[in-house]
Amino acid sequence: MTVLDIKDISTEDAYIYYRKSYFGTAVLELQSEAIEIPIKFLIETEPTGKKNIEVNLKKDILYPVLPIVREIKKTILSISDSGKLPC
């Protein structure tokens, strides 16, 4: 299982400056088949600068969820660190 991309990322208005909410579509490769899963994720930045990421899958899949969420979080963190997330 690998995360190929997270596309169609859009923001949701948030009133707390250290919490940003996003919607997007995760493109995953599961058993040599590419599937798209709508997701909602939240990035909360602590005062120390550490980022906590919460991911909600909006579609049921026939695969263990924890490894998928872990890989999606890694991908979101790398996109965030590179500055490619919309503000």
PDB file of N, CA and C in Angstrom:
ATOM      1  N   MET A   1       0.845  -1.166   0.000  1.00  0.00           N
ATOM      2  CA  MET A   1       0.000   0.000   0.000  1.00  0.00           C
ATOM      3  C   MET A   1       0.892   1.230   0.000  1.00  0.00           C
ATOM      4  N   THR A   2       0.647   2.116  -0.952  1.00  0.00           N
ATOM      5  CA  THR A   2       1.381   3.377  -1.005  1.00  0.00           C
ATOM      6  C   THR A   2       0.418   4.507  -1.327  1.00  0.00           C
ATOM      7  N   VAL A   3       0.768   5.702  -0.857  1.00  0.00           N
ATOM      8  CA  VAL A   3       0.014   6.904  -1.188  1.00  0.00           C
ATOM      9  C   VAL A   3       0.675   7.513  -2.414  1.00  0.00           C
ATOM     10  N   LEU A   4      -0.044   7.560  -3.510  1.00  0.00           N
ATOM     11  CA  LEU A   4       0.502   8.114  -4.741  1.00  0.00           C
ATOM     12  C   LEU A   4       0.438   9.635  -4.744  1.00  0.00           C
ATOM     13  N   ASP A   5      -0.670  10.193  -4.236  1.00  0.00           N
ATOM     14  CA  ASP A   5      -0.853  11.647  -4.279  1.00  0.00           C
ATOM     15  C   ASP A   5      -2.029  12.030  -3.390  1.00  0.00           C
ATOM     16  N   ILE A   6      -2.051  13.290  -3.010  1.00  0.00           N
ATOM     17  CA  ILE A   6      -3.238  13.887  -2.399  1.00  0.00           C
ATOM     18  C   ILE A   6      -3.580  15.077  -3.275  1.00  0.00           C
ATOM     19  N   LYS A   7      -4.751  15.027  -3.901  1.00  0.00           N
ATOM     20  CA  LYS A   7      -5.107  16.056  -4.875  1.00  0.00           C
ATOM     21  C   LYS A   7      -6.404  16.748  -4.474  1.00  0.00           C
ATOM     22  N   ASP A   8      -6.734  17.789  -5.216  1.00  0.00           N
ATOM     23  CA  ASP A   8      -7.955  18.570  -4.992  1.00  0.00           C
ATOM     24  C   ASP A   8      -8.045  19.073  -3.554  1.00  0.00           C
ATOM     25  N   ILE A   9      -6.951  19.591  -3.039  1.00  0.00           N
ATOM     26  CA  ILE A   9      -6.917  20.064  -1.652  1.00  0.00           C
ATOM     27  C   ILE A   9      -7.558  21.440  -1.577  1.00  0.00           C
ATOM     28  N   SER A  10      -8.528  21.583  -0.687  1.00  0.00           N
ATOM     29  CA  SER A  10      -9.170  22.874  -0.448  1.00  0.00           C
ATOM     30  C   SER A  10      -9.284  23.085   1.057  1.00  0.00           C
ATOM     31  N   THR A  11      -9.396  24.339   1.444  1.00  0.00           N
ATOM     32  CA  THR A  11      -9.452  24.658   2.871  1.00  0.00           C
ATOM     33  C   THR A  11     -10.889  24.882   3.317  1.00  0.00           C
ATOM     34  N   GLU A  12     -11.086  24.719   4.591  1.00  0.00           N
ATOM     35  CA  GLU A  12     -12.351  25.043   5.230  1.00  0.00           C
ATOM     36  C   GLU A  12     -12.063  26.208   6.171  1.00  0.00           C
ATOM     37  N   ASP A  13     -12.954  27.184   6.204  1.00  0.00           N
ATOM     38  CA  ASP A  13     -12.732  28.338   7.072  1.00  0.00           C
ATOM     39  C   ASP A  13     -12.644  27.897   8.524  1.00  0.00           C
ATOM     40  N   ALA A  14     -11.588  28.365   9.186  1.00  0.00           N
ATOM     41  CA  ALA A  14     -11.381  28.049  10.596  1.00  0.00           C
ATOM     42  C   ALA A  14     -11.181  29.357  11.349  1.00  0.00           C
ATOM     43  N   TYR A  15     -11.667  29.399  12.545  1.00  0.00           N
ATOM     44  CA  TYR A  15     -11.591  30.625  13.330  1.00  0.00           C
ATOM     45  C   TYR A  15     -10.451  30.593  14.337  1.00  0.00           C
ATOM     46  N   ILE A  16      -9.754  29.487  14.409  1.00  0.00           N
ATOM     47  CA  ILE A  16      -8.608  29.359  15.302  1.00  0.00           C
ATOM     48  C   ILE A  16      -7.369  29.293  14.429  1.00  0.00           C
ATOM     49  N   TYR A  17      -6.444  30.220  14.599  1.00  0.00           N
ATOM     50  CA  TYR A  17      -5.329  30.372  13.664  1.00  0.00           C
ATOM     51  C   TYR A  17      -4.355  29.204  13.667  1.00  0.00           C
ATOM     52  N   TYR A  18      -4.294  28.422  14.729  1.00  0.00           N
ATOM     53  CA  TYR A  18      -3.338  27.322  14.783  1.00  0.00           C
ATOM     54  C   TYR A  18      -3.957  25.984  14.371  1.00  0.00           C
ATOM     55  N   ARG A  19      -5.215  26.005  13.943  1.00  0.00           N
ATOM     56  CA  ARG A  19      -5.892  24.798  13.440  1.00  0.00           C
ATOM     57  C   ARG A  19      -6.379  25.070  12.027  1.00  0.00           C
ATOM     58  N   LYS A  20      -5.936  24.271  11.090  1.00  0.00           N
ATOM     59  CA  LYS A  20      -6.361  24.433   9.703  1.00  0.00           C
ATOM     60  C   LYS A  20      -7.014  23.140   9.239  1.00  0.00           C
ATOM     61  N   SER A  21      -8.178  23.287   8.633  1.00  0.00           N
ATOM     62  CA  SER A  21      -8.949  22.142   8.178  1.00  0.00           C
ATOM     63  C   SER A  21      -8.957  22.104   6.650  1.00  0.00           C
ATOM     64  N   TYR A  22      -8.783  20.913   6.093  1.00  0.00           N
ATOM     65  CA  TYR A  22      -8.687  20.747   4.647  1.00  0.00           C
ATOM     66  C   TYR A  22      -9.547  19.574   4.186  1.00  0.00           C
ATOM     67  N   PHE A  23      -9.941  19.643   2.913  1.00  0.00           N
ATOM     68  CA  PHE A  23     -10.582  18.532   2.221  1.00  0.00           C
ATOM     69  C   PHE A  23      -9.701  18.157   1.043  1.00  0.00           C
ATOM     70  N   GLY A  24      -9.735  16.913   0.648  1.00  0.00           N
ATOM     71  CA  GLY A  24      -8.953  16.491  -0.505  1.00  0.00           C
ATOM     72  C   GLY A  24      -9.300  15.070  -0.902  1.00  0.00           C
ATOM     73  N   THR A  25      -8.539  14.577  -1.860  1.00  0.00           N
ATOM     74  CA  THR A  25      -8.713  13.216  -2.343  1.00  0.00           C
ATOM     75  C   THR A  25      -7.368  12.512  -2.307  1.00  0.00           C
ATOM     76  N   ALA A  26      -7.300  11.419  -1.577  1.00  0.00           N
ATOM     77  CA  ALA A  26      -6.070  10.631  -1.500  1.00  0.00           C
ATOM     78  C   ALA A  26      -6.105   9.569  -2.593  1.00  0.00           C
ATOM     79  N   VAL A  27      -5.020   9.501  -3.356  1.00  0.00           N
ATOM     80  CA  VAL A  27      -4.887   8.474  -4.387  1.00  0.00           C
ATOM     81  C   VAL A  27      -3.947   7.410  -3.833  1.00  0.00           C
ATOM     82  N   LEU A  28      -4.477   6.209  -3.653  1.00  0.00           N
ATOM     83  CA  LEU A  28      -3.724   5.111  -3.044  1.00  0.00           C
ATOM     84  C   LEU A  28      -3.556   3.969  -4.031  1.00  0.00           C
ATOM     85  N   GLU A  29      -2.464   3.258  -3.870  1.00  0.00           N
ATOM     86  CA  GLU A  29      -2.274   2.028  -4.630  1.00  0.00           C
ATOM     87  C   GLU A  29      -2.443   0.865  -3.663  1.00  0.00           C
ATOM     88  N   LEU A  30      -3.529   0.135  -3.838  1.00  0.00           N
ATOM     89  CA  LEU A  30      -3.827  -1.025  -3.000  1.00  0.00           C
ATOM     90  C   LEU A  30      -3.887  -2.256  -3.888  1.00  0.00           C
ATOM     91  N   GLN A  31      -3.034  -3.203  -3.631  1.00  0.00           N
ATOM     92  CA  GLN A  31      -3.008  -4.462  -4.375  1.00  0.00           C
ATOM     93  C   GLN A  31      -2.937  -4.213  -5.882  1.00  0.00           C
ATOM     94  N   SER A  32      -1.988  -3.381  -6.276  1.00  0.00           N
ATOM     95  CA  SER A  32      -1.718  -2.995  -7.671  1.00  0.00           C
ATOM     96  C   SER A  32      -2.913  -2.352  -8.369  1.00  0.00           C
ATOM     97  N   GLU A  33      -3.770  -1.694  -7.598  1.00  0.00           N
ATOM     98  CA  GLU A  33      -4.919  -0.989  -8.150  1.00  0.00           C
ATOM     99  C   GLU A  33      -4.966   0.399  -7.517  1.00  0.00           C
ATOM    100  N   ALA A  34      -5.094   1.435  -8.336  1.00  0.00           N
ATOM    101  CA  ALA A  34      -5.174   2.804  -7.825  1.00  0.00           C
ATOM    102  C   ALA A  34      -6.626   3.125  -7.484  1.00  0.00           C
ATOM    103  N   ILE A  35      -6.842   3.595  -6.255  1.00  0.00           N
ATOM    104  CA  ILE A  35      -8.182   4.007  -5.843  1.00  0.00           C
ATOM    105  C   ILE A  35      -8.101   5.412  -5.272  1.00  0.00           C
ATOM    106  N   GLU A  36      -9.219   6.130  -5.344  1.00  0.00           N
ATOM    107  CA  GLU A  36      -9.311   7.484  -4.806  1.00  0.00           C
ATOM    108  C   GLU A  36     -10.277   7.476  -3.633  1.00  0.00           C
ATOM    109  N   ILE A  37      -9.841   8.091  -2.532  1.00  0.00           N
ATOM    110  CA  ILE A  37     -10.648   8.149  -1.319  1.00  0.00           C
ATOM    111  C   ILE A  37     -10.770   9.606  -0.892  1.00  0.00           C
ATOM    112  N   PRO A  38     -11.994  10.131  -0.754  1.00  0.00           N
ATOM    113  CA  PRO A  38     -12.143  11.485  -0.222  1.00  0.00           C
ATOM    114  C   PRO A  38     -11.747  11.510   1.254  1.00  0.00           C
ATOM    115  N   ILE A  39     -11.014  12.553   1.635  1.00  0.00           N
ATOM    116  CA  ILE A  39     -10.552  12.674   3.020  1.00  0.00           C
ATOM    117  C   ILE A  39     -10.796  14.087   3.529  1.00  0.00           C
ATOM    118  N   LYS A  40     -10.832  14.198   4.833  1.00  0.00           N
ATOM    119  CA  LYS A  40     -10.811  15.484   5.522  1.00  0.00           C
ATOM    120  C   LYS A  40      -9.673  15.377   6.514  1.00  0.00           C
ATOM    121  N   PHE A  41      -8.830  16.419   6.569  1.00  0.00           N
ATOM    122  CA  PHE A  41      -7.743  16.376   7.535  1.00  0.00           C
ATOM    123  C   PHE A  41      -7.573  17.725   8.206  1.00  0.00           C
ATOM    124  N   LEU A  42      -7.049  17.662   9.410  1.00  0.00           N
ATOM    125  CA  LEU A  42      -6.868  18.826  10.265  1.00  0.00           C
ATOM    126  C   LEU A  42      -5.418  18.871  10.704  1.00  0.00           C
ATOM    127  N   ILE A  43      -4.803  20.035  10.569  1.00  0.00           N
ATOM    128  CA  ILE A  43      -3.432  20.224  11.040  1.00  0.00           C
ATOM    129  C   ILE A  43      -3.475  21.238  12.173  1.00  0.00           C
ATOM    130  N   GLU A  44      -3.033  20.812  13.340  1.00  0.00           N
ATOM    131  CA  GLU A  44      -2.978  21.684  14.511  1.00  0.00           C
ATOM    132  C   GLU A  44      -1.514  21.868  14.891  1.00  0.00           C
ATOM    133  N   THR A  45      -1.089  23.125  14.969  1.00  0.00           N
ATOM    134  CA  THR A  45       0.294  23.433  15.305  1.00  0.00           C
ATOM    135  C   THR A  45       0.382  23.799  16.779  1.00  0.00           C
ATOM    136  N   GLU A  46       1.212  23.062  17.513  1.00  0.00           N
ATOM    137  CA  GLU A  46       1.412  23.327  18.935  1.00  0.00           C
ATOM    138  C   GLU A  46       2.330  24.534  19.113  1.00  0.00           C
ATOM    139  N   PRO A  47       2.369  25.134  20.313  1.00  0.00           N
ATOM    140  CA  PRO A  47       3.273  26.266  20.564  1.00  0.00           C
ATOM    141  C   PRO A  47       4.744  25.921  20.341  1.00  0.00           C
ATOM    142  N   THR A  48       5.091  24.644  20.463  1.00  0.00           N
ATOM    143  CA  THR A  48       6.474  24.221  20.240  1.00  0.00           C
ATOM    144  C   THR A  48       6.799  24.061  18.759  1.00  0.00           C
ATOM    145  N   GLY A  49       5.790  24.170  17.890  1.00  0.00           N
ATOM    146  CA  GLY A  49       5.994  24.032  16.454  1.00  0.00           C
ATOM    147  C   GLY A  49       5.663  22.657  15.913  1.00  0.00           C
ATOM    148  N   LYS A  50       5.389  21.707  16.795  1.00  0.00           N
ATOM    149  CA  LYS A  50       5.039  20.354  16.360  1.00  0.00           C
ATOM    150  C   LYS A  50       3.650  20.369  15.727  1.00  0.00           C
ATOM    151  N   LYS A  51       3.493  19.615  14.649  1.00  0.00           N
ATOM    152  CA  LYS A  51       2.210  19.551  13.954  1.00  0.00           C
ATOM    153  C   LYS A  51       1.517  18.232  14.264  1.00  0.00           C
ATOM    154  N   ASN A  52       0.275  18.329  14.734  1.00  0.00           N
ATOM    155  CA  ASN A  52      -0.568  17.156  14.952  1.00  0.00           C
ATOM    156  C   ASN A  52      -1.554  17.076  13.794  1.00  0.00           C
ATOM    157  N   ILE A  53      -1.647  15.913  13.186  1.00  0.00           N
ATOM    158  CA  ILE A  53      -2.499  15.734  12.017  1.00  0.00           C
ATOM    159  C   ILE A  53      -3.564  14.694  12.335  1.00  0.00           C
ATOM    160  N   GLU A  54      -4.828  15.047  12.055  1.00  0.00           N
ATOM    161  CA  GLU A  54      -5.950  14.119  12.183  1.00  0.00           C
ATOM    162  C   GLU A  54      -6.503  13.876  10.785  1.00  0.00           C
ATOM    163  N   VAL A  55      -6.776  12.629  10.458  1.00  0.00           N
ATOM    164  CA  VAL A  55      -7.284  12.272   9.135  1.00  0.00           C
ATOM    165  C   VAL A  55      -8.591  11.506   9.285  1.00  0.00           C
ATOM    166  N   ASN A  56      -9.603  11.910   8.517  1.00  0.00           N
ATOM    167  CA  ASN A  56     -10.877  11.195   8.462  1.00  0.00           C
ATOM    168  C   ASN A  56     -11.097  10.715   7.036  1.00  0.00           C
ATOM    169  N   LEU A  57     -11.265   9.413   6.873  1.00  0.00           N
ATOM    170  CA  LEU A  57     -11.591   8.855   5.567  1.00  0.00           C
ATOM    171  C   LEU A  57     -13.098   8.955   5.376  1.00  0.00           C
ATOM    172  N   LYS A  58     -13.528   9.472   4.238  1.00  0.00           N
ATOM    173  CA  LYS A  58     -14.953   9.675   3.987  1.00  0.00           C
ATOM    174  C   LYS A  58     -15.594   8.522   3.223  1.00  0.00           C
ATOM    175  N   LYS A  59     -14.831   7.452   3.015  1.00  0.00           N
ATOM    176  CA  LYS A  59     -15.336   6.307   2.266  1.00  0.00           C
ATOM    177  C   LYS A  59     -14.797   5.036   2.915  1.00  0.00           C
ATOM    178  N   ASP A  60     -15.629   4.021   3.000  1.00  0.00           N
ATOM    179  CA  ASP A  60     -15.191   2.736   3.547  1.00  0.00           C
ATOM    180  C   ASP A  60     -14.340   2.002   2.520  1.00  0.00           C
ATOM    181  N   ILE A  61     -13.288   1.335   3.018  1.00  0.00           N
ATOM    182  CA  ILE A  61     -12.431   0.557   2.138  1.00  0.00           C
ATOM    183  C   ILE A  61     -12.187  -0.814   2.751  1.00  0.00           C
ATOM    184  N   LEU A  62     -11.866  -1.755   1.912  1.00  0.00           N
ATOM    185  CA  LEU A  62     -11.600  -3.121   2.370  1.00  0.00           C
ATOM    186  C   LEU A  62     -10.099  -3.313   2.535  1.00  0.00           C
ATOM    187  N   TYR A  63      -9.549  -2.631   3.511  1.00  0.00           N
ATOM    188  CA  TYR A  63      -8.119  -2.690   3.817  1.00  0.00           C
ATOM    189  C   TYR A  63      -7.961  -2.165   5.235  1.00  0.00           C
ATOM    190  N   PRO A  64      -6.986  -2.630   5.997  1.00  0.00           N
ATOM    191  CA  PRO A  64      -6.794  -2.094   7.354  1.00  0.00           C
ATOM    192  C   PRO A  64      -6.573  -0.573   7.331  1.00  0.00           C
ATOM    193  N   VAL A  65      -7.302   0.122   8.163  1.00  0.00           N
ATOM    194  CA  VAL A  65      -7.320   1.586   8.120  1.00  0.00           C
ATOM    195  C   VAL A  65      -6.061   2.208   8.726  1.00  0.00           C
ATOM    196  N   LEU A  66      -5.523   1.646   9.790  1.00  0.00           N
ATOM    197  CA  LEU A  66      -4.381   2.270  10.464  1.00  0.00           C
ATOM    198  C   LEU A  66      -3.162   2.463   9.567  1.00  0.00           C
ATOM    199  N   PRO A  67      -2.745   1.476   8.777  1.00  0.00           N
ATOM    200  CA  PRO A  67      -1.601   1.726   7.894  1.00  0.00           C
ATOM    201  C   PRO A  67      -1.889   2.803   6.849  1.00  0.00           C
ATOM    202  N   ILE A  68      -3.124   2.852   6.368  1.00  0.00           N
ATOM    203  CA  ILE A  68      -3.485   3.873   5.379  1.00  0.00           C
ATOM    204  C   ILE A  68      -3.403   5.256   6.000  1.00  0.00           C
ATOM    205  N   VAL A  69      -3.988   5.427   7.175  1.00  0.00           N
ATOM    206  CA  VAL A  69      -3.975   6.731   7.848  1.00  0.00           C
ATOM    207  C   VAL A  69      -2.542   7.150   8.170  1.00  0.00           C
ATOM    208  N   ARG A  70      -1.709   6.224   8.601  1.00  0.00           N
ATOM    209  CA  ARG A  70      -0.313   6.531   8.918  1.00  0.00           C
ATOM    210  C   ARG A  70       0.426   7.052   7.680  1.00  0.00           C
ATOM    211  N   GLU A  71       0.241   6.401   6.540  1.00  0.00           N
ATOM    212  CA  GLU A  71       0.908   6.828   5.311  1.00  0.00           C
ATOM    213  C   GLU A  71       0.354   8.154   4.795  1.00  0.00           C
ATOM    214  N   ILE A  72      -0.955   8.363   4.934  1.00  0.00           N
ATOM    215  CA  ILE A  72      -1.551   9.637   4.519  1.00  0.00           C
ATOM    216  C   ILE A  72      -1.005  10.767   5.384  1.00  0.00           C
ATOM    217  N   LYS A  73      -0.856  10.541   6.688  1.00  0.00           N
ATOM    218  CA  LYS A  73      -0.297  11.565   7.577  1.00  0.00           C
ATOM    219  C   LYS A  73       1.127  11.926   7.176  1.00  0.00           C
ATOM    220  N   LYS A  74       1.938  10.931   6.827  1.00  0.00           N
ATOM    221  CA  LYS A  74       3.311  11.209   6.383  1.00  0.00           C
ATOM    222  C   LYS A  74       3.312  12.057   5.118  1.00  0.00           C
ATOM    223  N   THR A  75       2.423  11.740   4.193  1.00  0.00           N
ATOM    224  CA  THR A  75       2.341  12.496   2.945  1.00  0.00           C
ATOM    225  C   THR A  75       1.872  13.924   3.202  1.00  0.00           C
ATOM    226  N   ILE A  76       0.881  14.100   4.065  1.00  0.00           N
ATOM    227  CA  ILE A  76       0.388  15.440   4.399  1.00  0.00           C
ATOM    228  C   ILE A  76       1.490  16.254   5.057  1.00  0.00           C
ATOM    229  N   LEU A  77       2.245  15.653   5.956  1.00  0.00           N
ATOM    230  CA  LEU A  77       3.332  16.363   6.630  1.00  0.00           C
ATOM    231  C   LEU A  77       4.390  16.817   5.630  1.00  0.00           C
ATOM    232  N   SER A  78       4.730  15.973   4.675  1.00  0.00           N
ATOM    233  CA  SER A  78       5.734  16.375   3.683  1.00  0.00           C
ATOM    234  C   SER A  78       5.201  17.476   2.775  1.00  0.00           C
ATOM    235  N   ILE A  79       3.915  17.425   2.412  1.00  0.00           N
ATOM    236  CA  ILE A  79       3.323  18.494   1.603  1.00  0.00           C
ATOM    237  C   ILE A  79       3.297  19.792   2.402  1.00  0.00           C
ATOM    238  N   SER A  80       2.942  19.714   3.675  1.00  0.00           N
ATOM    239  CA  SER A  80       2.896  20.899   4.530  1.00  0.00           C
ATOM    240  C   SER A  80       4.281  21.504   4.720  1.00  0.00           C
ATOM    241  N   ASP A  81       5.281  20.665   4.957  1.00  0.00           N
ATOM    242  CA  ASP A  81       6.642  21.162   5.162  1.00  0.00           C
ATOM    243  C   ASP A  81       7.219  21.801   3.907  1.00  0.00           C
ATOM    244  N   SER A  82       6.781  21.338   2.734  1.00  0.00           N
ATOM    245  CA  SER A  82       7.277  21.931   1.494  1.00  0.00           C
ATOM    246  C   SER A  82       6.509  23.199   1.120  1.00  0.00           C
ATOM    247  N   GLY A  83       5.442  23.536   1.864  1.00  0.00           N
ATOM    248  CA  GLY A  83       4.697  24.769   1.635  1.00  0.00           C
ATOM    249  C   GLY A  83       3.705  24.692   0.488  1.00  0.00           C
ATOM    250  N   LYS A  84       3.249  23.503   0.132  1.00  0.00           N
ATOM    251  CA  LYS A  84       2.346  23.340  -1.003  1.00  0.00           C
ATOM    252  C   LYS A  84       0.870  23.286  -0.620  1.00  0.00           C
ATOM    253  N   LEU A  85       0.558  23.399   0.668  1.00  0.00           N
ATOM    254  CA  LEU A  85      -0.842  23.415   1.089  1.00  0.00           C
ATOM    255  C   LEU A  85      -1.422  24.812   0.904  1.00  0.00           C
ATOM    256  N   PRO A  86      -2.683  24.912   0.461  1.00  0.00           N
ATOM    257  CA  PRO A  86      -3.302  26.239   0.350  1.00  0.00           C
ATOM    258  C   PRO A  86      -3.521  26.852   1.727  1.00  0.00           C
ATOM    259  N   CYS A  87      -3.500  28.160   1.778  1.00  0.00           N
ATOM    260  CA  CYS A  87      -3.683  28.867   3.058  1.00  0.00           C
ATOM    261  C   CYS A  87      -5.130  29.095   3.370  1.00  0.00           C
TER     262      CYS A  87
END
